[in-house]
């Protein structure tokens, strides 16, 4: 996946505290912290609206990490009493969603269907009568 960002959540339903899920926001897939098939290879930092924490543990692999952000042996906060958080604003602007243009979608679909039919017929030696309702 290369450089990527995952979402970290604590498992509220677990009988044990400290169970975590790693979510890929692009695909919606989630992986348990100890899942050997989790594609996330290292966690270098964690952040939320209040702070940014740097991983200072010996390992970066999610399965080896202690995600207790209050432990300065494991995570170093960027903002402290000496250097307070000036306010982390979002760089994302307002999103405006529009309903899709159904007429355009139908037109594109029909055009693609004609192109594919023509190309299939050109590839075959004998004429094929297309029946799209089969």
C-alpha atoms as a PDB file:
ATOM      1  CA  UNK A   1       0.000   0.000   0.000  1.00  0.00           C
ATOM      2  CA  UNK A   2       2.912   2.367   0.493  1.00  0.00           C
ATOM      3  CA  UNK A   3       2.554   5.371   2.774  1.00  0.00           C
ATOM      4  CA  UNK A   4      -0.964   5.337   4.101  1.00  0.00           C
ATOM      5  CA  UNK A   5      -3.122   6.340   7.044  1.00  0.00           C
ATOM      6  CA  UNK A   6      -5.300   3.937   8.993  1.00  0.00           C
ATOM      7  CA  UNK A   7      -7.906   4.652  11.641  1.00  0.00           C
ATOM      8  CA  UNK A   8      -7.289   3.188  15.095  1.00  0.00           C
ATOM      9  CA  UNK A   9     -10.234   2.281  17.327  1.00  0.00           C
ATOM     10  CA  UNK A  10     -10.374   0.548  20.690  1.00  0.00           C
ATOM     11  CA  UNK A  11     -12.590  -2.543  20.826  1.00  0.00           C
ATOM     12  CA  UNK A  12     -15.353  -1.524  23.245  1.00  0.00           C
ATOM     13  CA  UNK A  13     -16.936  -5.001  23.192  1.00  0.00           C
ATOM     14  CA  UNK A  14     -13.804  -6.897  24.213  1.00  0.00           C
ATOM     15  CA  UNK A  15     -13.623  -8.351  27.699  1.00  0.00           C
ATOM     16  CA  UNK A  16      -9.995  -7.234  27.772  1.00  0.00           C
ATOM     17  CA  UNK A  17      -8.929  -3.612  27.698  1.00  0.00           C
ATOM     18  CA  UNK A  18      -6.352  -2.632  25.138  1.00  0.00           C
ATOM     19  CA  UNK A  19      -7.761  -4.516  22.153  1.00  0.00           C
ATOM     20  CA  UNK A  20      -7.524  -2.416  18.997  1.00  0.00           C
ATOM     21  CA  UNK A  21      -8.773  -2.416  15.415  1.00  0.00           C
ATOM     22  CA  UNK A  22      -6.950  -0.858  12.466  1.00  0.00           C
ATOM     23  CA  UNK A  23      -9.272   0.342   9.701  1.00  0.00           C
ATOM     24  CA  UNK A  24      -8.330   1.090   6.108  1.00  0.00           C
ATOM     25  CA  UNK A  25     -10.552   4.106   5.332  1.00  0.00           C
ATOM     26  CA  UNK A  26     -10.230   3.603   1.567  1.00  0.00           C
ATOM     27  CA  UNK A  27     -11.619   0.058   1.589  1.00  0.00           C
ATOM     28  CA  UNK A  28     -13.530  -0.073   4.867  1.00  0.00           C
ATOM     29  CA  UNK A  29     -11.682  -3.251   5.858  1.00  0.00           C
ATOM     30  CA  UNK A  30     -10.664  -3.643   9.483  1.00  0.00           C
ATOM     31  CA  UNK A  31      -7.867  -5.688  10.955  1.00  0.00           C
ATOM     32  CA  UNK A  32      -7.275  -6.687  14.534  1.00  0.00           C
ATOM     33  CA  UNK A  33      -4.028  -5.354  15.971  1.00  0.00           C
ATOM     34  CA  UNK A  34      -2.655  -8.926  16.098  1.00  0.00           C
ATOM     35  CA  UNK A  35      -3.932 -10.015  12.650  1.00  0.00           C
ATOM     36  CA  UNK A  36      -0.940 -11.409  10.708  1.00  0.00           C
ATOM     37  CA  UNK A  37      -2.653 -10.433   7.427  1.00  0.00           C
ATOM     38  CA  UNK A  38      -2.964  -6.758   8.310  1.00  0.00           C
ATOM     39  CA  UNK A  39      -1.249  -4.875   5.472  1.00  0.00           C
ATOM     40  CA  UNK A  40      -0.160  -2.061   7.797  1.00  0.00           C
ATOM     41  CA  UNK A  41       3.486  -2.773   8.524  1.00  0.00           C
ATOM     42  CA  UNK A  42       4.459   0.003  10.933  1.00  0.00           C
ATOM     43  CA  UNK A  43       2.805   2.687  13.040  1.00  0.00           C
ATOM     44  CA  UNK A  44       5.043   5.719  13.384  1.00  0.00           C
ATOM     45  CA  UNK A  45       2.564   8.172  14.864  1.00  0.00           C
ATOM     46  CA  UNK A  46      -0.989   8.466  16.115  1.00  0.00           C
ATOM     47  CA  UNK A  47      -3.048  11.646  16.200  1.00  0.00           C
ATOM     48  CA  UNK A  48      -6.458  12.991  17.103  1.00  0.00           C
ATOM     49  CA  UNK A  49      -7.939  16.487  17.390  1.00  0.00           C
ATOM     50  CA  UNK A  50      -5.978  17.207  20.588  1.00  0.00           C
ATOM     51  CA  UNK A  51      -2.474  15.894  19.982  1.00  0.00           C
ATOM     52  CA  UNK A  52       0.043  13.950  17.916  1.00  0.00           C
ATOM     53  CA  UNK A  53       2.046  11.096  19.465  1.00  0.00           C
ATOM     54  CA  UNK A  54       5.315   9.682  18.116  1.00  0.00           C
ATOM     55  CA  UNK A  55       5.967   5.969  18.519  1.00  0.00           C
ATOM     56  CA  UNK A  56       9.174   5.535  20.555  1.00  0.00           C
ATOM     57  CA  UNK A  57       8.808   1.782  21.116  1.00  0.00           C
ATOM     58  CA  UNK A  58      11.400  -0.703  19.915  1.00  0.00           C
ATOM     59  CA  UNK A  59       8.988  -2.035  17.282  1.00  0.00           C
ATOM     60  CA  UNK A  60       6.624  -0.411  14.851  1.00  0.00           C
ATOM     61  CA  UNK A  61       4.583  -3.464  13.853  1.00  0.00           C
ATOM     62  CA  UNK A  62       1.003  -3.123  15.120  1.00  0.00           C
ATOM     63  CA  UNK A  63       1.002  -6.559  16.769  1.00  0.00           C
ATOM     64  CA  UNK A  64       3.915  -5.566  19.042  1.00  0.00           C
ATOM     65  CA  UNK A  65       2.656  -2.117  20.009  1.00  0.00           C
ATOM     66  CA  UNK A  66       1.221  -0.885  23.263  1.00  0.00           C
ATOM     67  CA  UNK A  67      -1.358   1.716  22.239  1.00  0.00           C
ATOM     68  CA  UNK A  68      -1.605   3.328  25.684  1.00  0.00           C
ATOM     69  CA  UNK A  69      -0.935   6.898  24.577  1.00  0.00           C
ATOM     70  CA  UNK A  70      -0.577   8.036  28.201  1.00  0.00           C
ATOM     71  CA  UNK A  71       2.625   5.996  28.534  1.00  0.00           C
ATOM     72  CA  UNK A  72       5.547   8.289  27.687  1.00  0.00           C
ATOM     73  CA  UNK A  73       7.778   5.186  27.555  1.00  0.00           C
ATOM     74  CA  UNK A  74       5.851   4.150  24.430  1.00  0.00           C
ATOM     75  CA  UNK A  75       4.508   7.379  22.927  1.00  0.00           C
ATOM     76  CA  UNK A  76       5.850  10.940  23.040  1.00  0.00           C
ATOM     77  CA  UNK A  77       3.243  13.679  22.744  1.00  0.00           C
ATOM     78  CA  UNK A  78       3.999  16.573  20.436  1.00  0.00           C
ATOM     79  CA  UNK A  79       1.949  19.060  22.470  1.00  0.00           C
ATOM     80  CA  UNK A  80       2.784  19.320  26.175  1.00  0.00           C
ATOM     81  CA  UNK A  81       2.395  21.823  29.003  1.00  0.00           C
ATOM     82  CA  UNK A  82       5.518  23.567  27.663  1.00  0.00           C
ATOM     83  CA  UNK A  83       4.275  23.651  24.086  1.00  0.00           C
ATOM     84  CA  UNK A  84       0.489  23.795  24.051  1.00  0.00           C
ATOM     85  CA  UNK A  85      -1.749  22.884  21.166  1.00  0.00           C
ATOM     86  CA  UNK A  86      -2.556  26.050  19.181  1.00  0.00           C
ATOM     87  CA  UNK A  87      -5.592  24.288  17.695  1.00  0.00           C
ATOM     88  CA  UNK A  88      -5.389  21.695  14.976  1.00  0.00           C
ATOM     89  CA  UNK A  89      -7.666  22.840  12.194  1.00  0.00           C
ATOM     90  CA  UNK A  90      -8.801  20.694   9.336  1.00  0.00           C
ATOM     91  CA  UNK A  91      -7.339  21.251   5.885  1.00  0.00           C
ATOM     92  CA  UNK A  92     -10.448  19.748   4.300  1.00  0.00           C
ATOM     93  CA  UNK A  93     -12.967  22.200   2.933  1.00  0.00           C
ATOM     94  CA  UNK A  94     -16.721  21.777   2.964  1.00  0.00           C
ATOM     95  CA  UNK A  95     -17.939  18.896   0.850  1.00  0.00           C
ATOM     96  CA  UNK A  96     -20.910  19.339  -1.442  1.00  0.00           C
ATOM     97  CA  UNK A  97     -22.567  16.234  -2.810  1.00  0.00           C
ATOM     98  CA  UNK A  98     -24.736  16.374  -5.900  1.00  0.00           C
ATOM     99  CA  UNK A  99     -27.231  13.820  -7.143  1.00  0.00           C
ATOM    100  CA  UNK A 100     -25.903  11.918 -10.147  1.00  0.00           C
ATOM    101  CA  UNK A 101     -27.100  12.899 -13.606  1.00  0.00           C
ATOM    102  CA  UNK A 102     -29.246   9.867 -14.534  1.00  0.00           C
ATOM    103  CA  UNK A 103     -29.615  10.986 -18.157  1.00  0.00           C
ATOM    104  CA  UNK A 104     -25.863  11.250 -18.600  1.00  0.00           C
ATOM    105  CA  UNK A 105     -25.313   7.859 -16.923  1.00  0.00           C
ATOM    106  CA  UNK A 106     -27.842   6.181 -19.224  1.00  0.00           C
ATOM    107  CA  UNK A 107     -26.297   7.842 -22.279  1.00  0.00           C
ATOM    108  CA  UNK A 108     -22.779   6.674 -21.337  1.00  0.00           C
ATOM    109  CA  UNK A 109     -24.041   3.148 -20.617  1.00  0.00           C
ATOM    110  CA  UNK A 110     -25.775   2.902 -24.009  1.00  0.00           C
ATOM    111  CA  UNK A 111     -22.725   4.260 -25.826  1.00  0.00           C
ATOM    112  CA  UNK A 112     -20.408   1.746 -24.121  1.00  0.00           C
ATOM    113  CA  UNK A 113     -22.792  -1.097 -24.907  1.00  0.00           C
ATOM    114  CA  UNK A 114     -22.780  -0.161 -28.611  1.00  0.00           C
ATOM    115  CA  UNK A 115     -18.970   0.037 -28.649  1.00  0.00           C
ATOM    116  CA  UNK A 116     -18.574  -3.373 -26.951  1.00  0.00           C
ATOM    117  CA  UNK A 117     -21.094  -5.027 -29.271  1.00  0.00           C
ATOM    118  CA  UNK A 118     -19.307  -3.658 -32.299  1.00  0.00           C
ATOM    119  CA  UNK A 119     -15.871  -4.764 -31.048  1.00  0.00           C
ATOM    120  CA  UNK A 120     -17.103  -8.296 -30.231  1.00  0.00           C
ATOM    121  CA  UNK A 121     -18.657  -8.628 -33.671  1.00  0.00           C
ATOM    122  CA  UNK A 122     -15.431  -7.436 -35.318  1.00  0.00           C
ATOM    123  CA  UNK A 123     -13.418 -10.039 -33.393  1.00  0.00           C
ATOM    124  CA  UNK A 124     -15.582 -12.944 -34.524  1.00  0.00           C
ATOM    125  CA  UNK A 125     -15.630 -14.380 -38.027  1.00  0.00           C
ATOM    126  CA  UNK A 126     -19.371 -14.801 -38.177  1.00  0.00           C
ATOM    127  CA  UNK A 127     -22.027 -12.275 -37.257  1.00  0.00           C
ATOM    128  CA  UNK A 128     -23.379 -12.502 -33.749  1.00  0.00           C
ATOM    129  CA  UNK A 129     -26.819 -11.182 -32.977  1.00  0.00           C
ATOM    130  CA  UNK A 130     -26.601  -9.603 -29.534  1.00  0.00           C
ATOM    131  CA  UNK A 131     -29.462 -10.104 -27.132  1.00  0.00           C
ATOM    132  CA  UNK A 132     -28.710  -8.050 -24.046  1.00  0.00           C
ATOM    133  CA  UNK A 133     -31.709  -9.499 -22.206  1.00  0.00           C
ATOM    134  CA  UNK A 134     -30.280 -13.042 -22.064  1.00  0.00           C
END
